C-alpha atoms as a PDB file:
ATOM      1  CA  VAL A   1     -15.545   4.870 -11.595  1.00  0.00           C
ATOM      2  CA  GLN A   2     -18.062   6.715  -9.183  1.00  0.00           C
ATOM      3  CA  LEU A   3     -17.175   7.524  -5.709  1.00  0.00           C
ATOM      4  CA  VAL A   4     -19.863   8.479  -3.086  1.00  0.00           C
ATOM      5  CA  GLU A   5     -18.881   9.749   0.357  1.00  0.00           C
ATOM      6  CA  SER A   6     -20.883   9.633   3.472  1.00  0.00           C
ATOM      7  CA  GLY A   7     -20.706   9.898   7.214  1.00  0.00           C
ATOM      8  CA  GLY A   8     -19.702  13.548   7.648  1.00  0.00           C
ATOM      9  CA  GLY A   9     -21.297  15.797  10.310  1.00  0.00           C
ATOM     10  CA  LEU A  10     -20.825  17.970  13.321  1.00  0.00           C
ATOM     11  CA  VAL A  11     -18.964  16.598  16.321  1.00  0.00           C
ATOM     12  CA  GLN A  12     -17.438  17.873  19.428  1.00  0.00           C
ATOM     13  CA  ALA A  13     -13.748  17.994  19.913  1.00  0.00           C
ATOM     14  CA  GLY A  14     -12.504  14.542  21.193  1.00  0.00           C
ATOM     15  CA  GLY A  15     -15.284  12.885  19.532  1.00  0.00           C
ATOM     16  CA  SER A  16     -15.338  10.325  16.657  1.00  0.00           C
ATOM     17  CA  LEU A  17     -16.814   9.951  13.178  1.00  0.00           C
ATOM     18  CA  ARG A  18     -16.543   7.220  10.491  1.00  0.00           C
ATOM     19  CA  LEU A  19     -16.535   8.320   6.846  1.00  0.00           C
ATOM     20  CA  SER A  20     -17.478   5.893   4.058  1.00  0.00           C
ATOM     21  CA  CYS A  21     -16.570   5.900   0.301  1.00  0.00           C
ATOM     22  CA  ALA A  22     -18.432   3.522  -1.920  1.00  0.00           C
ATOM     23  CA  ALA A  23     -17.137   2.886  -5.289  1.00  0.00           C
ATOM     24  CA  SER A  24     -19.061   1.684  -8.435  1.00  0.00           C
ATOM     25  CA  GLY A  25     -18.368   1.196 -12.041  1.00  0.00           C
ATOM     26  CA  ASP A  26     -15.161  -0.312 -13.345  1.00  0.00           C
ATOM     27  CA  THR A  27     -13.278  -0.674 -10.099  1.00  0.00           C
ATOM     28  CA  PHE A  28     -11.209  -3.766 -11.099  1.00  0.00           C
ATOM     29  CA  GLY A  29      -8.085  -1.678 -11.987  1.00  0.00           C
ATOM     30  CA  ILE A  30      -8.004   0.599  -8.988  1.00  0.00           C
ATOM     31  CA  LYS A  31      -4.450   0.402  -7.243  1.00  0.00           C
ATOM     32  CA  SER A  32      -5.116   2.751  -4.228  1.00  0.00           C
ATOM     33  CA  ARG A  33      -7.909   4.558  -2.388  1.00  0.00           C
ATOM     34  CA  SER A  34      -7.259   7.773  -0.350  1.00  0.00           C
ATOM     35  CA  TRP A  35      -8.947  10.262   1.712  1.00  0.00           C
ATOM     36  CA  TYR A  36      -8.072  14.002   1.265  1.00  0.00           C
ATOM     37  CA  ARG A  37      -9.315  17.122   3.012  1.00  0.00           C
ATOM     38  CA  GLN A  38      -9.596  20.770   2.283  1.00  0.00           C
ATOM     39  CA  ALA A  39     -10.198  23.418   4.801  1.00  0.00           C
ATOM     40  CA  PRO A  40     -11.483  26.797   3.737  1.00  0.00           C
ATOM     41  CA  GLY A  41      -8.777  28.798   2.031  1.00  0.00           C
ATOM     42  CA  LYS A  42      -6.298  26.059   2.122  1.00  0.00           C
ATOM     43  CA  GLN A  43      -5.068  23.415  -0.376  1.00  0.00           C
ATOM     44  CA  ARG A  44      -6.457  19.947  -0.538  1.00  0.00           C
ATOM     45  CA  ASP A  45      -4.273  17.664   1.612  1.00  0.00           C
ATOM     46  CA  LEU A  46      -3.626  13.796   1.610  1.00  0.00           C
ATOM     47  CA  VAL A  47      -4.996  12.272   4.804  1.00  0.00           C
ATOM     48  CA  ALA A  48      -4.486   8.586   4.396  1.00  0.00           C
ATOM     49  CA  THR A  49      -4.053   5.873   1.623  1.00  0.00           C
ATOM     50  CA  ILE A  50      -4.635   2.276   1.454  1.00  0.00           C
ATOM     51  CA  THR A  51      -3.286   0.415  -1.626  1.00  0.00           C
ATOM     52  CA  SER A  52      -4.634  -2.674  -3.294  1.00  0.00           C
ATOM     53  CA  GLY A  53      -2.147  -4.755  -1.400  1.00  0.00           C
ATOM     54  CA  GLY A  54      -3.457  -3.450   1.955  1.00  0.00           C
ATOM     55  CA  SER A  55      -0.596  -1.131   2.803  1.00  0.00           C
ATOM     56  CA  THR A  56      -1.562   2.070   4.579  1.00  0.00           C
ATOM     57  CA  ASN A  57       0.016   5.601   4.945  1.00  0.00           C
ATOM     58  CA  TYR A  58      -1.110   8.555   6.997  1.00  0.00           C
ATOM     59  CA  ALA A  59      -0.399  12.249   7.175  1.00  0.00           C
ATOM     60  CA  THR A  60       1.691  13.026  10.327  1.00  0.00           C
ATOM     61  CA  SER A  61      -1.362  15.148  11.642  1.00  0.00           C
ATOM     62  CA  VAL A  62      -3.644  12.206  11.944  1.00  0.00           C
ATOM     63  CA  LYS A  63      -1.351   9.334  12.672  1.00  0.00           C
ATOM     64  CA  GLY A  64      -2.593   7.481  15.678  1.00  0.00           C
ATOM     65  CA  ARG A  65      -6.007   9.082  15.497  1.00  0.00           C
ATOM     66  CA  PHE A  66      -7.360   8.105  12.101  1.00  0.00           C
ATOM     67  CA  THR A  67      -7.577   4.572  10.559  1.00  0.00           C
ATOM     68  CA  ILE A  68      -8.213   3.788   6.939  1.00  0.00           C
ATOM     69  CA  SER A  69      -9.682   0.413   6.035  1.00  0.00           C
ATOM     70  CA  ARG A  70     -11.728  -1.252   3.348  1.00  0.00           C
ATOM     71  CA  ASP A  71     -14.320  -3.788   2.541  1.00  0.00           C
ATOM     72  CA  ASN A  72     -13.622  -5.285  -0.792  1.00  0.00           C
ATOM     73  CA  ALA A  73     -16.860  -7.110  -1.038  1.00  0.00           C
ATOM     74  CA  LYS A  74     -18.606  -3.800  -0.748  1.00  0.00           C
ATOM     75  CA  ASN A  75     -16.115  -1.758  -2.700  1.00  0.00           C
ATOM     76  CA  THR A  76     -16.061   0.607   0.277  1.00  0.00           C
ATOM     77  CA  VAL A  77     -13.241   2.424   2.030  1.00  0.00           C
ATOM     78  CA  TYR A  78     -13.658   3.836   5.542  1.00  0.00           C
ATOM     79  CA  LEU A  79     -11.861   6.493   7.524  1.00  0.00           C
ATOM     80  CA  GLN A  80     -12.317   6.054  11.255  1.00  0.00           C
ATOM     81  CA  MET A  81     -11.600   9.387  12.961  1.00  0.00           C
ATOM     82  CA  SER A  82     -11.012   9.507  16.652  1.00  0.00           C
ATOM     83  CA  SER A  83      -9.861  12.186  19.093  1.00  0.00           C
ATOM     84  CA  LEU A  84     -11.095  14.893  16.647  1.00  0.00           C
ATOM     85  CA  LYS A  85      -9.651  18.389  16.876  1.00  0.00           C
ATOM     86  CA  PRO A  86     -11.201  21.710  15.616  1.00  0.00           C
ATOM     87  CA  GLU A  87      -8.387  21.678  13.028  1.00  0.00           C
ATOM     88  CA  ASP A  88      -9.667  18.591  11.498  1.00  0.00           C
ATOM     89  CA  THR A  89     -12.651  20.566  10.334  1.00  0.00           C
ATOM     90  CA  ALA A  90     -12.702  20.312   6.461  1.00  0.00           C
ATOM     91  CA  VAL A  91     -14.428  18.832   3.440  1.00  0.00           C
ATOM     92  CA  TYR A  92     -13.165  15.331   3.112  1.00  0.00           C
ATOM     93  CA  TYR A  93     -12.857  13.858  -0.289  1.00  0.00           C
ATOM     94  CA  CYS A  94     -12.504  10.187  -1.324  1.00  0.00           C
ATOM     95  CA  SER A  95     -10.162   9.430  -4.165  1.00  0.00           C
ATOM     96  CA  ALA A  96      -9.189   6.343  -6.207  1.00  0.00           C
ATOM     97  CA  VAL A  97      -6.207   5.847  -8.508  1.00  0.00           C
ATOM     98  CA  ALA A  98      -6.331   3.405 -11.445  1.00  0.00           C
ATOM     99  CA  ALA A  99      -3.319   1.401 -12.391  1.00  0.00           C
ATOM    100  CA  ILE A 100      -3.576   2.385 -15.906  1.00  0.00           C
ATOM    101  CA  ALA A 101      -2.357   5.914 -16.539  1.00  0.00           C
ATOM    102  CA  ASP A 102      -2.717   6.815 -12.896  1.00  0.00           C
ATOM    103  CA  ARG A 103      -6.014   8.220 -13.612  1.00  0.00           C
ATOM    104  CA  SER A 104      -7.753   9.717 -10.502  1.00  0.00           C
ATOM    105  CA  TYR A 105     -11.378   9.726  -9.582  1.00  0.00           C
ATOM    106  CA  TRP A 106     -12.953  11.917  -6.983  1.00  0.00           C
ATOM    107  CA  GLY A 107     -16.088  11.780  -4.754  1.00  0.00           C
ATOM    108  CA  GLN A 108     -18.190  14.966  -4.149  1.00  0.00           C
ATOM    109  CA  GLY A 109     -16.870  15.476  -0.726  1.00  0.00           C
ATOM    110  CA  THR A 110     -18.402  15.353   2.682  1.00  0.00           C
ATOM    111  CA  GLN A 111     -18.228  18.052   5.435  1.00  0.00           C
ATOM    112  CA  VAL A 112     -16.632  17.382   8.862  1.00  0.00           C
ATOM    113  CA  THR A 113     -17.025  20.041  11.533  1.00  0.00           C
ATOM    114  CA  VAL A 114     -15.374  19.669  14.856  1.00  0.00           C
ATOM    115  CA  SER A 115     -16.451  22.310  17.469  1.00  0.00           C
ATOM    116  CA  SER A 116     -14.295  23.218  20.380  1.00  0.00           C
END
C-alpha cells in the first residue's frame, strides 16, 4: 500500500486547510485510516481515525475543529482543518492499518504551518 499526502501549506491562525491522502496498491484489507502529526522536537501524535465501517475518533485537541472523511471510490481520506491555531503547526502524516497482522503503512508527510 502506498500513501501520498497533499494539501499542506502556510495559513494564518483561524484559517482552514484540507489535507488529502490517496492510497494505491492492495488497499482491500485496510481496516482503518488515520492522520498523525509531529511537531519539531515532539513525538508523533494521533489526530483522527476513520474505520472501514465509518466510525471516527479525534484527539481532544482537535475535536470540533477537524473532520476526517473518506471517498471510497477514490481510495482517499481527507482531513478538513478549521479554526487553525499556531499549535497545529506540524508535519501531518497519513497512515493505514491492514486487518492482517495490523500492519501499518505511512505516507511521506505534508507540512502544515499556522502563523499567528
